[in-house]
Amino acid sequence: MKSAQQRKALQSLETVGGHLDAVIGMVEDRTSCPDVVKQLTVAQAGIEATGRVVFRNHLETCVATSIRNGRTEEVLDELMETLKYGRRFLRPSPEPSAHRETDHRVRS
């Protein structure tokens, strides 16, 4: 992975980790369900953004090199396999809803 993209991916993952820690705290504190879901959506968007960085890096490095070296069939098979799992990295992340319900608390 290119150094700049590696740094970007790691920073994004650290941010996601912070969001997940916040979600754990919110559930423990019985924060309203809409607020928990909103925070989960932010964490998911961060994971998807990281996936886009990794996928772009793959295209710019591994795929480009394989094509230059004449391994077109191999790289196409690999891309098809990658797309099976990474399709959501190719579309924009959904925006969290501004709609907020009142007092829906996490119940134990």
PDB file of N, CA and C in Angstrom:
ATOM      1  N   MET A   1       0.847  -1.174   0.000  1.00  0.00           N
ATOM      2  CA  MET A   1       0.000   0.000   0.000  1.00  0.00           C
ATOM      3  C   MET A   1       0.893   1.237   0.000  1.00  0.00           C
ATOM      4  N   LYS A   2       0.507   2.239  -0.788  1.00  0.00           N
ATOM      5  CA  LYS A   2       1.253   3.491  -0.814  1.00  0.00           C
ATOM      6  C   LYS A   2       1.214   4.130   0.569  1.00  0.00           C
ATOM      7  N   SER A   3       2.317   4.766   0.950  1.00  0.00           N
ATOM      8  CA  SER A   3       2.433   5.348   2.295  1.00  0.00           C
ATOM      9  C   SER A   3       1.318   6.336   2.616  1.00  0.00           C
ATOM     10  N   ALA A   4       1.010   7.234   1.692  1.00  0.00           N
ATOM     11  CA  ALA A   4      -0.030   8.241   1.946  1.00  0.00           C
ATOM     12  C   ALA A   4      -1.388   7.579   2.138  1.00  0.00           C
ATOM     13  N   GLN A   5      -1.676   6.580   1.323  1.00  0.00           N
ATOM     14  CA  GLN A   5      -2.963   5.897   1.450  1.00  0.00           C
ATOM     15  C   GLN A   5      -3.005   5.034   2.706  1.00  0.00           C
ATOM     16  N   GLN A   6      -1.871   4.473   3.079  1.00  0.00           N
ATOM     17  CA  GLN A   6      -1.813   3.697   4.317  1.00  0.00           C
ATOM     18  C   GLN A   6      -2.103   4.606   5.514  1.00  0.00           C
ATOM     19  N   ARG A   7      -1.492   5.786   5.529  1.00  0.00           N
ATOM     20  CA  ARG A   7      -1.742   6.737   6.623  1.00  0.00           C
ATOM     21  C   ARG A   7      -3.215   7.140   6.669  1.00  0.00           C
ATOM     22  N   LYS A   8      -3.775   7.412   5.498  1.00  0.00           N
ATOM     23  CA  LYS A   8      -5.179   7.811   5.423  1.00  0.00           C
ATOM     24  C   LYS A   8      -6.088   6.690   5.935  1.00  0.00           C
ATOM     25  N   ALA A   9      -5.807   5.463   5.537  1.00  0.00           N
ATOM     26  CA  ALA A   9      -6.610   4.318   5.988  1.00  0.00           C
ATOM     27  C   ALA A   9      -6.492   4.129   7.495  1.00  0.00           C
ATOM     28  N   LEU A  10      -5.281   4.224   8.019  1.00  0.00           N
ATOM     29  CA  LEU A  10      -5.083   4.043   9.461  1.00  0.00           C
ATOM     30  C   LEU A  10      -5.773   5.145  10.265  1.00  0.00           C
ATOM     31  N   GLN A  11      -5.684   6.381   9.797  1.00  0.00           N
ATOM     32  CA  GLN A  11      -6.366   7.486  10.488  1.00  0.00           C
ATOM     33  C   GLN A  11      -7.876   7.264  10.501  1.00  0.00           C
ATOM     34  N   SER A  12      -8.394   6.830   9.372  1.00  0.00           N
ATOM     35  CA  SER A  12      -9.827   6.575   9.277  1.00  0.00           C
ATOM     36  C   SER A  12     -10.246   5.451  10.220  1.00  0.00           C
ATOM     37  N   LEU A  13      -9.450   4.389  10.282  1.00  0.00           N
ATOM     38  CA  LEU A  13      -9.771   3.268  11.172  1.00  0.00           C
ATOM     39  C   LEU A  13      -9.688   3.670  12.637  1.00  0.00           C
ATOM     40  N   GLU A  14      -8.737   4.530  12.974  1.00  0.00           N
ATOM     41  CA  GLU A  14      -8.651   5.018  14.356  1.00  0.00           C
ATOM     42  C   GLU A  14      -9.891   5.842  14.708  1.00  0.00           C
ATOM     43  N   THR A  15     -10.356   6.639  13.766  1.00  0.00           N
ATOM     44  CA  THR A  15     -11.577   7.414  13.982  1.00  0.00           C
ATOM     45  C   THR A  15     -12.773   6.487  14.165  1.00  0.00           C
ATOM     46  N   VAL A  16     -12.861   5.460  13.318  1.00  0.00           N
ATOM     47  CA  VAL A  16     -13.944   4.479  13.436  1.00  0.00           C
ATOM     48  C   VAL A  16     -13.901   3.811  14.805  1.00  0.00           C
ATOM     49  N   GLY A  17     -12.704   3.463  15.267  1.00  0.00           N
ATOM     50  CA  GLY A  17     -12.563   2.861  16.592  1.00  0.00           C
ATOM     51  C   GLY A  17     -13.113   3.767  17.679  1.00  0.00           C
ATOM     52  N   GLY A  18     -12.866   5.059  17.554  1.00  0.00           N
ATOM     53  CA  GLY A  18     -13.404   6.018  18.512  1.00  0.00           C
ATOM     54  C   GLY A  18     -14.923   6.058  18.479  1.00  0.00           C
ATOM     55  N   HIS A  19     -15.485   5.995  17.264  1.00  0.00           N
ATOM     56  CA  HIS A  19     -16.947   5.974  17.142  1.00  0.00           C
ATOM     57  C   HIS A  19     -17.527   4.710  17.769  1.00  0.00           C
ATOM     58  N   LEU A  20     -16.877   3.577  17.549  1.00  0.00           N
ATOM     59  CA  LEU A  20     -17.372   2.326  18.131  1.00  0.00           C
ATOM     60  C   LEU A  20     -17.270   2.344  19.651  1.00  0.00           C
ATOM     61  N   ASP A  21     -16.195   2.916  20.180  1.00  0.00           N
ATOM     62  CA  ASP A  21     -16.087   3.075  21.638  1.00  0.00           C
ATOM     63  C   ASP A  21     -17.241   3.936  22.157  1.00  0.00           C
ATOM     64  N   ALA A  22     -17.568   4.986  21.404  1.00  0.00           N
ATOM     65  CA  ALA A  22     -18.679   5.851  21.800  1.00  0.00           C
ATOM     66  C   ALA A  22     -19.999   5.084  21.782  1.00  0.00           C
ATOM     67  N   VAL A  23     -20.189   4.241  20.777  1.00  0.00           N
ATOM     68  CA  VAL A  23     -21.418   3.445  20.690  1.00  0.00           C
ATOM     69  C   VAL A  23     -21.535   2.516  21.895  1.00  0.00           C
ATOM     70  N   ILE A  24     -20.444   1.877  22.261  1.00  0.00           N
ATOM     71  CA  ILE A  24     -20.457   0.993  23.432  1.00  0.00           C
ATOM     72  C   ILE A  24     -20.888   1.779  24.667  1.00  0.00           C
ATOM     73  N   GLY A  25     -20.297   2.949  24.851  1.00  0.00           N
ATOM     74  CA  GLY A  25     -20.665   3.791  25.985  1.00  0.00           C
ATOM     75  C   GLY A  25     -22.124   4.215  25.937  1.00  0.00           C
ATOM     76  N   MET A  26     -22.610   4.530  24.747  1.00  0.00           N
ATOM     77  CA  MET A  26     -24.002   4.945  24.597  1.00  0.00           C
ATOM     78  C   MET A  26     -24.959   3.820  24.976  1.00  0.00           C
ATOM     79  N   VAL A  27     -24.648   2.604  24.532  1.00  0.00           N
ATOM     80  CA  VAL A  27     -25.499   1.457  24.867  1.00  0.00           C
ATOM     81  C   VAL A  27     -25.451   1.194  26.367  1.00  0.00           C
ATOM     82  N   GLU A  28     -24.257   1.257  26.938  1.00  0.00           N
ATOM     83  CA  GLU A  28     -24.123   1.058  28.388  1.00  0.00           C
ATOM     84  C   GLU A  28     -24.909   2.116  29.170  1.00  0.00           C
ATOM     85  N   ASP A  29     -24.938   3.344  28.646  1.00  0.00           N
ATOM     86  CA  ASP A  29     -25.635   4.448  29.314  1.00  0.00           C
ATOM     87  C   ASP A  29     -27.118   4.528  28.950  1.00  0.00           C
ATOM     88  N   ARG A  30     -27.559   3.586  28.130  1.00  0.00           N
ATOM     89  CA  ARG A  30     -28.961   3.544  27.688  1.00  0.00           C
ATOM     90  C   ARG A  30     -29.372   4.814  26.950  1.00  0.00           C
ATOM     91  N   THR A  31     -28.493   5.269  26.100  1.00  0.00           N
ATOM     92  CA  THR A  31     -28.769   6.432  25.252  1.00  0.00           C
ATOM     93  C   THR A  31     -29.900   6.081  24.296  1.00  0.00           C
ATOM     94  N   SER A  32     -30.617   7.083  23.824  1.00  0.00           N
ATOM     95  CA  SER A  32     -31.750   6.832  22.930  1.00  0.00           C
ATOM     96  C   SER A  32     -31.306   6.045  21.699  1.00  0.00           C
ATOM     97  N   CYS A  33     -32.185   5.144  21.279  1.00  0.00           N
ATOM     98  CA  CYS A  33     -31.880   4.289  20.120  1.00  0.00           C
ATOM     99  C   CYS A  33     -31.545   5.094  18.863  1.00  0.00           C
ATOM    100  N   PRO A  34     -32.310   6.149  18.530  1.00  0.00           N
ATOM    101  CA  PRO A  34     -31.951   6.924  17.340  1.00  0.00           C
ATOM    102  C   PRO A  34     -30.540   7.508  17.415  1.00  0.00           C
ATOM    103  N   ASP A  35     -30.122   7.935  18.593  1.00  0.00           N
ATOM    104  CA  ASP A  35     -28.768   8.473  18.736  1.00  0.00           C
ATOM    105  C   ASP A  35     -27.720   7.381  18.565  1.00  0.00           C
ATOM    106  N   VAL A  36     -28.010   6.181  19.062  1.00  0.00           N
ATOM    107  CA  VAL A  36     -27.082   5.054  18.889  1.00  0.00           C
ATOM    108  C   VAL A  36     -26.980   4.694  17.413  1.00  0.00           C
ATOM    109  N   VAL A  37     -28.121   4.610  16.745  1.00  0.00           N
ATOM    110  CA  VAL A  37     -28.125   4.270  15.315  1.00  0.00           C
ATOM    111  C   VAL A  37     -27.382   5.330  14.514  1.00  0.00           C
ATOM    112  N   LYS A  38     -27.562   6.584  14.870  1.00  0.00           N
ATOM    113  CA  LYS A  38     -26.861   7.670  14.178  1.00  0.00           C
ATOM    114  C   LYS A  38     -25.346   7.488  14.308  1.00  0.00           C
ATOM    115  N   GLN A  39     -24.887   7.172  15.507  1.00  0.00           N
ATOM    116  CA  GLN A  39     -23.452   6.969  15.737  1.00  0.00           C
ATOM    117  C   GLN A  39     -22.956   5.735  14.980  1.00  0.00           C
ATOM    118  N   LEU A  40     -23.770   4.683  14.936  1.00  0.00           N
ATOM    119  CA  LEU A  40     -23.401   3.490  14.163  1.00  0.00           C
ATOM    120  C   LEU A  40     -23.284   3.819  12.677  1.00  0.00           C
ATOM    121  N   THR A  41     -24.171   4.674  12.192  1.00  0.00           N
ATOM    122  CA  THR A  41     -24.126   5.080  10.789  1.00  0.00           C
ATOM    123  C   THR A  41     -22.836   5.836  10.484  1.00  0.00           C
ATOM    124  N   VAL A  42     -22.412   6.676  11.408  1.00  0.00           N
ATOM    125  CA  VAL A  42     -21.153   7.409  11.242  1.00  0.00           C
ATOM    126  C   VAL A  42     -19.980   6.428  11.204  1.00  0.00           C
ATOM    127  N   ALA A  43     -19.989   5.442  12.099  1.00  0.00           N
ATOM    128  CA  ALA A  43     -18.913   4.441  12.120  1.00  0.00           C
ATOM    129  C   ALA A  43     -18.898   3.639  10.822  1.00  0.00           C
ATOM    130  N   GLN A  44     -20.075   3.241  10.358  1.00  0.00           N
ATOM    131  CA  GLN A  44     -20.167   2.480   9.119  1.00  0.00           C
ATOM    132  C   GLN A  44     -19.652   3.299   7.935  1.00  0.00           C
ATOM    133  N   ALA A  45     -19.989   4.575   7.898  1.00  0.00           N
ATOM    134  CA  ALA A  45     -19.504   5.445   6.822  1.00  0.00           C
ATOM    135  C   ALA A  45     -17.981   5.522   6.844  1.00  0.00           C
ATOM    136  N   GLY A  46     -17.396   5.542   8.035  1.00  0.00           N
ATOM    137  CA  GLY A  46     -15.938   5.555   8.151  1.00  0.00           C
ATOM    138  C   GLY A  46     -15.308   4.275   7.634  1.00  0.00           C
ATOM    139  N   ILE A  47     -15.943   3.152   7.919  1.00  0.00           N
ATOM    140  CA  ILE A  47     -15.446   1.868   7.407  1.00  0.00           C
ATOM    141  C   ILE A  47     -15.522   1.857   5.888  1.00  0.00           C
ATOM    142  N   GLU A  48     -16.640   2.333   5.350  1.00  0.00           N
ATOM    143  CA  GLU A  48     -16.790   2.371   3.895  1.00  0.00           C
ATOM    144  C   GLU A  48     -15.773   3.314   3.253  1.00  0.00           C
ATOM    145  N   ALA A  49     -15.499   4.445   3.880  1.00  0.00           N
ATOM    146  CA  ALA A  49     -14.495   5.378   3.358  1.00  0.00           C
ATOM    147  C   ALA A  49     -13.119   4.723   3.352  1.00  0.00           C
ATOM    148  N   THR A  50     -12.811   3.980   4.397  1.00  0.00           N
ATOM    149  CA  THR A  50     -11.535   3.260   4.448  1.00  0.00           C
ATOM    150  C   THR A  50     -11.479   2.224   3.335  1.00  0.00           C
ATOM    151  N   GLY A  51     -12.574   1.532   3.117  1.00  0.00           N
ATOM    152  CA  GLY A  51     -12.631   0.548   2.032  1.00  0.00           C
ATOM    153  C   GLY A  51     -12.366   1.180   0.680  1.00  0.00           C
ATOM    154  N   ARG A  52     -12.893   2.391   0.470  1.00  0.00           N
ATOM    155  CA  ARG A  52     -12.638   3.079  -0.800  1.00  0.00           C
ATOM    156  C   ARG A  52     -11.163   3.426  -0.961  1.00  0.00           C
ATOM    157  N   VAL A  53     -10.513   3.833   0.130  1.00  0.00           N
ATOM    158  CA  VAL A  53      -9.071   4.135   0.080  1.00  0.00           C
ATOM    159  C   VAL A  53      -8.293   2.876  -0.288  1.00  0.00           C
ATOM    160  N   VAL A  54      -8.608   1.768   0.366  1.00  0.00           N
ATOM    161  CA  VAL A  54      -7.897   0.509   0.106  1.00  0.00           C
ATOM    162  C   VAL A  54      -8.163   0.034  -1.319  1.00  0.00           C
ATOM    163  N   PHE A  55      -9.411   0.126  -1.759  1.00  0.00           N
ATOM    164  CA  PHE A  55      -9.757  -0.325  -3.107  1.00  0.00           C
ATOM    165  C   PHE A  55      -9.060   0.531  -4.164  1.00  0.00           C
ATOM    166  N   ARG A  56      -9.064   1.844  -3.959  1.00  0.00           N
ATOM    167  CA  ARG A  56      -8.373   2.731  -4.909  1.00  0.00           C
ATOM    168  C   ARG A  56      -6.880   2.400  -4.965  1.00  0.00           C
ATOM    169  N   ASN A  57      -6.281   2.189  -3.799  1.00  0.00           N
ATOM    170  CA  ASN A  57      -4.873   1.810  -3.754  1.00  0.00           C
ATOM    171  C   ASN A  57      -4.645   0.525  -4.550  1.00  0.00           C
ATOM    172  N   HIS A  58      -5.536  -0.427  -4.386  1.00  0.00           N
ATOM    173  CA  HIS A  58      -5.415  -1.698  -5.108  1.00  0.00           C
ATOM    174  C   HIS A  58      -5.456  -1.466  -6.620  1.00  0.00           C
ATOM    175  N   LEU A  59      -6.376  -0.612  -7.061  1.00  0.00           N
ATOM    176  CA  LEU A  59      -6.466  -0.318  -8.490  1.00  0.00           C
ATOM    177  C   LEU A  59      -5.211   0.381  -9.002  1.00  0.00           C
ATOM    178  N   GLU A  60      -4.710   1.340  -8.225  1.00  0.00           N
ATOM    179  CA  GLU A  60      -3.556   2.128  -8.667  1.00  0.00           C
ATOM    180  C   GLU A  60      -2.250   1.349  -8.618  1.00  0.00           C
ATOM    181  N   THR A  61      -2.164   0.355  -7.775  1.00  0.00           N
ATOM    182  CA  THR A  61      -0.900  -0.368  -7.617  1.00  0.00           C
ATOM    183  C   THR A  61      -0.997  -1.778  -8.186  1.00  0.00           C
ATOM    184  N   CYS A  62      -1.651  -2.654  -7.494  1.00  0.00           N
ATOM    185  CA  CYS A  62      -1.683  -4.072  -7.867  1.00  0.00           C
ATOM    186  C   CYS A  62      -2.304  -4.310  -9.239  1.00  0.00           C
ATOM    187  N   VAL A  63      -3.462  -3.707  -9.483  1.00  0.00           N
ATOM    188  CA  VAL A  63      -4.148  -3.927 -10.755  1.00  0.00           C
ATOM    189  C   VAL A  63      -3.334  -3.342 -11.902  1.00  0.00           C
ATOM    190  N   ALA A  64      -2.870  -2.113 -11.745  1.00  0.00           N
ATOM    191  CA  ALA A  64      -2.086  -1.475 -12.807  1.00  0.00           C
ATOM    192  C   ALA A  64      -0.826  -2.275 -13.126  1.00  0.00           C
ATOM    193  N   THR A  65      -0.142  -2.742 -12.094  1.00  0.00           N
ATOM    194  CA  THR A  65       1.080  -3.532 -12.300  1.00  0.00           C
ATOM    195  C   THR A  65       0.770  -4.844 -13.005  1.00  0.00           C
ATOM    196  N   SER A  66      -0.283  -5.514 -12.586  1.00  0.00           N
ATOM    197  CA  SER A  66      -0.648  -6.793 -13.207  1.00  0.00           C
ATOM    198  C   SER A  66      -0.995  -6.623 -14.675  1.00  0.00           C
ATOM    199  N   ILE A  67      -1.709  -5.560 -15.008  1.00  0.00           N
ATOM    200  CA  ILE A  67      -2.062  -5.312 -16.412  1.00  0.00           C
ATOM    201  C   ILE A  67      -0.811  -5.015 -17.230  1.00  0.00           C
ATOM    202  N   ARG A  68       0.086  -4.177 -16.681  1.00  0.00           N
ATOM    203  CA  ARG A  68       1.338  -3.877 -17.391  1.00  0.00           C
ATOM    204  C   ARG A  68       2.167  -5.139 -17.626  1.00  0.00           C
ATOM    205  N   ASN A  69       2.070  -6.083 -16.698  1.00  0.00           N
ATOM    206  CA  ASN A  69       2.840  -7.321 -16.818  1.00  0.00           C
ATOM    207  C   ASN A  69       2.106  -8.408 -17.599  1.00  0.00           C
ATOM    208  N   GLY A  70       0.974  -8.053 -18.205  1.00  0.00           N
ATOM    209  CA  GLY A  70       0.269  -8.992 -19.062  1.00  0.00           C
ATOM    210  C   GLY A  70      -0.592 -10.018 -18.332  1.00  0.00           C
ATOM    211  N   ARG A  71      -0.873  -9.800 -17.073  1.00  0.00           N
ATOM    212  CA  ARG A  71      -1.688 -10.762 -16.310  1.00  0.00           C
ATOM    213  C   ARG A  71      -3.149 -10.281 -16.255  1.00  0.00           C
ATOM    214  N   THR A  72      -3.682  -9.925 -17.408  1.00  0.00           N
ATOM    215  CA  THR A  72      -5.015  -9.340 -17.489  1.00  0.00           C
ATOM    216  C   THR A  72      -6.093 -10.285 -16.974  1.00  0.00           C
ATOM    217  N   GLU A  73      -6.079 -11.521 -17.415  1.00  0.00           N
ATOM    218  CA  GLU A  73      -7.107 -12.487 -16.999  1.00  0.00           C
ATOM    219  C   GLU A  73      -7.085 -12.698 -15.485  1.00  0.00           C
ATOM    220  N   GLU A  74      -5.887 -12.824 -14.942  1.00  0.00           N
ATOM    221  CA  GLU A  74      -5.723 -13.011 -13.494  1.00  0.00           C
ATOM    222  C   GLU A  74      -6.269 -11.810 -12.718  1.00  0.00           C
ATOM    223  N   VAL A  75      -5.953 -10.609 -13.183  1.00  0.00           N
ATOM    224  CA  VAL A  75      -6.394  -9.412 -12.472  1.00  0.00           C
ATOM    225  C   VAL A  75      -7.906  -9.227 -12.593  1.00  0.00           C
ATOM    226  N   LEU A  76      -8.488  -9.601 -13.718  1.00  0.00           N
ATOM    227  CA  LEU A  76      -9.939  -9.510 -13.860  1.00  0.00           C
ATOM    228  C   LEU A  76     -10.645 -10.458 -12.898  1.00  0.00           C
ATOM    229  N   ASP A  77     -10.128 -11.675 -12.773  1.00  0.00           N
ATOM    230  CA  ASP A  77     -10.700 -12.630 -11.811  1.00  0.00           C
ATOM    231  C   ASP A  77     -10.607 -12.081 -10.391  1.00  0.00           C
ATOM    232  N   GLU A  78      -9.462 -11.508 -10.070  1.00  0.00           N
ATOM    233  CA  GLU A  78      -9.260 -10.941  -8.736  1.00  0.00           C
ATOM    234  C   GLU A  78     -10.205  -9.762  -8.489  1.00  0.00           C
ATOM    235  N   LEU A  79     -10.372  -8.909  -9.492  1.00  0.00           N
ATOM    236  CA  LEU A  79     -11.285  -7.775  -9.351  1.00  0.00           C
ATOM    237  C   LEU A  79     -12.724  -8.235  -9.159  1.00  0.00           C
ATOM    238  N   MET A  80     -13.134  -9.244  -9.905  1.00  0.00           N
ATOM    239  CA  MET A  80     -14.491  -9.767  -9.744  1.00  0.00           C
ATOM    240  C   MET A  80     -14.695 -10.297  -8.328  1.00  0.00           C
ATOM    241  N   GLU A  81     -13.704 -10.975  -7.793  1.00  0.00           N
ATOM    242  CA  GLU A  81     -13.775 -11.484  -6.422  1.00  0.00           C
ATOM    243  C   GLU A  81     -13.826 -10.325  -5.425  1.00  0.00           C
ATOM    244  N   THR A  82     -13.005  -9.318  -5.646  1.00  0.00           N
ATOM    245  CA  THR A  82     -12.979  -8.157  -4.754  1.00  0.00           C
ATOM    246  C   THR A  82     -14.310  -7.420  -4.787  1.00  0.00           C
ATOM    247  N   LEU A  83     -14.879  -7.260  -5.963  1.00  0.00           N
ATOM    248  CA  LEU A  83     -16.144  -6.542  -6.096  1.00  0.00           C
ATOM    249  C   LEU A  83     -17.298  -7.279  -5.434  1.00  0.00           C
ATOM    250  N   LYS A  84     -17.176  -8.593  -5.336  1.00  0.00           N
ATOM    251  CA  LYS A  84     -18.210  -9.368  -4.658  1.00  0.00           C
ATOM    252  C   LYS A  84     -18.371  -8.882  -3.214  1.00  0.00           C
ATOM    253  N   TYR A  85     -17.261  -8.511  -2.594  1.00  0.00           N
ATOM    254  CA  TYR A  85     -17.279  -8.064  -1.203  1.00  0.00           C
ATOM    255  C   TYR A  85     -17.228  -6.549  -1.064  1.00  0.00           C
ATOM    256  N   GLY A  86     -16.713  -5.866  -2.058  1.00  0.00           N
ATOM    257  CA  GLY A  86     -16.468  -4.441  -1.922  1.00  0.00           C
ATOM    258  C   GLY A  86     -17.394  -3.540  -2.703  1.00  0.00           C
ATOM    259  N   ARG A  87     -18.543  -4.045  -3.148  1.00  0.00           N
ATOM    260  CA  ARG A  87     -19.453  -3.221  -3.945  1.00  0.00           C
ATOM    261  C   ARG A  87     -19.861  -1.943  -3.242  1.00  0.00           C
ATOM    262  N   ARG A  88     -20.044  -1.995  -1.937  1.00  0.00           N
ATOM    263  CA  ARG A  88     -20.517  -0.801  -1.233  1.00  0.00           C
ATOM    264  C   ARG A  88     -19.454   0.285  -1.193  1.00  0.00           C
ATOM    265  N   PHE A  89     -18.201  -0.054  -1.475  1.00  0.00           N
ATOM    266  CA  PHE A  89     -17.145   0.956  -1.499  1.00  0.00           C
ATOM    267  C   PHE A  89     -17.237   1.821  -2.751  1.00  0.00           C
ATOM    268  N   LEU A  90     -18.020   1.391  -3.709  1.00  0.00           N
ATOM    269  CA  LEU A  90     -18.113   2.107  -4.972  1.00  0.00           C
ATOM    270  C   LEU A  90     -19.282   3.078  -5.010  1.00  0.00           C
ATOM    271  N   ARG A  91     -20.069   3.130  -3.958  1.00  0.00           N
ATOM    272  CA  ARG A  91     -21.200   4.060  -3.923  1.00  0.00           C
ATOM    273  C   ARG A  91     -21.056   4.987  -2.725  1.00  0.00           C
ATOM    274  N   PRO A  92     -21.696   6.142  -2.791  1.00  0.00           N
ATOM    275  CA  PRO A  92     -21.602   7.079  -1.667  1.00  0.00           C
ATOM    276  C   PRO A  92     -22.258   6.505  -0.416  1.00  0.00           C
ATOM    277  N   SER A  93     -21.758   6.904   0.733  1.00  0.00           N
ATOM    278  CA  SER A  93     -22.346   6.482   1.999  1.00  0.00           C
ATOM    279  C   SER A  93     -23.677   7.189   2.195  1.00  0.00           C
ATOM    280  N   PRO A  94     -24.653   6.500   2.805  1.00  0.00           N
ATOM    281  CA  PRO A  94     -25.939   7.160   3.054  1.00  0.00           C
ATOM    282  C   PRO A  94     -25.791   8.251   4.105  1.00  0.00           C
ATOM    283  N   GLU A  95     -26.564   9.294   3.949  1.00  0.00           N
ATOM    284  CA  GLU A  95     -26.559  10.386   4.924  1.00  0.00           C
ATOM    285  C   GLU A  95     -27.436   9.989   6.101  1.00  0.00           C
ATOM    286  N   PRO A  96     -26.969  10.250   7.328  1.00  0.00           N
ATOM    287  CA  PRO A  96     -27.822   9.967   8.478  1.00  0.00           C
ATOM    288  C   PRO A  96     -29.054  10.869   8.461  1.00  0.00           C
ATOM    289  N   SER A  97     -30.164  10.330   8.871  1.00  0.00           N
ATOM    290  CA  SER A  97     -31.419  11.075   8.889  1.00  0.00           C
ATOM    291  C   SER A  97     -31.409  12.132   9.983  1.00  0.00           C
ATOM    292  N   ALA A  98     -31.979  13.269   9.688  1.00  0.00           N
ATOM    293  CA  ALA A  98     -32.070  14.333  10.685  1.00  0.00           C
ATOM    294  C   ALA A  98     -33.274  14.109  11.597  1.00  0.00           C
ATOM    295  N   HIS A  99     -34.149  13.155  11.227  1.00  0.00           N
ATOM    296  CA  HIS A  99     -35.341  12.859  12.022  1.00  0.00           C
ATOM    297  C   HIS A  99     -34.941  12.260  13.357  1.00  0.00           C
ATOM    298  N   ARG A 100     -35.551  12.751  14.423  1.00  0.00           N
ATOM    299  CA  ARG A 100     -35.187  12.265  15.754  1.00  0.00           C
ATOM    300  C   ARG A 100     -36.443  11.938  16.552  1.00  0.00           C
ATOM    301  N   GLU A 101     -36.534  10.714  16.998  1.00  0.00           N
ATOM    302  CA  GLU A 101     -37.625  10.288  17.868  1.00  0.00           C
ATOM    303  C   GLU A 101     -37.304  10.739  19.281  1.00  0.00           C
ATOM    304  N   THR A 102     -38.310  10.808  20.122  1.00  0.00           N
ATOM    305  CA  THR A 102     -38.074  11.219  21.500  1.00  0.00           C
ATOM    306  C   THR A 102     -38.091  10.026  22.434  1.00  0.00           C
ATOM    307  N   ASP A 103     -37.164   9.993  23.328  1.00  0.00           N
ATOM    308  CA  ASP A 103     -37.044   9.072  24.448  1.00  0.00           C
ATOM    309  C   ASP A 103     -37.203   7.599  24.106  1.00  0.00           C
ATOM    310  N   HIS A 104     -36.524   7.135  23.088  1.00  0.00           N
ATOM    311  CA  HIS A 104     -36.444   5.706  22.803  1.00  0.00           C
ATOM    312  C   HIS A 104     -35.139   5.222  23.399  1.00  0.00           C
ATOM    313  N   ARG A 105     -35.186   4.729  24.593  1.00  0.00           N
ATOM    314  CA  ARG A 105     -33.986   4.326  25.323  1.00  0.00           C
ATOM    315  C   ARG A 105     -33.678   2.859  25.081  1.00  0.00           C
ATOM    316  N   VAL A 106     -32.384   2.530  25.092  1.00  0.00           N
ATOM    317  CA  VAL A 106     -31.963   1.132  25.006  1.00  0.00           C
ATOM    318  C   VAL A 106     -32.392   0.462  26.299  1.00  0.00           C
ATOM    319  N   ARG A 107     -33.112  -0.611  26.191  1.00  0.00           N
ATOM    320  CA  ARG A 107     -33.611  -1.323  27.375  1.00  0.00           C
ATOM    321  C   ARG A 107     -32.815  -2.602  27.582  1.00  0.00           C
ATOM    322  N   SER A 108     -32.592  -2.943  28.835  1.00  0.00           N
ATOM    323  CA  SER A 108     -31.886  -4.195  29.105  1.00  0.00           C
ATOM    324  C   SER A 108     -32.860  -5.295  29.419  1.00  0.00           C
TER     325      SER A 108
END
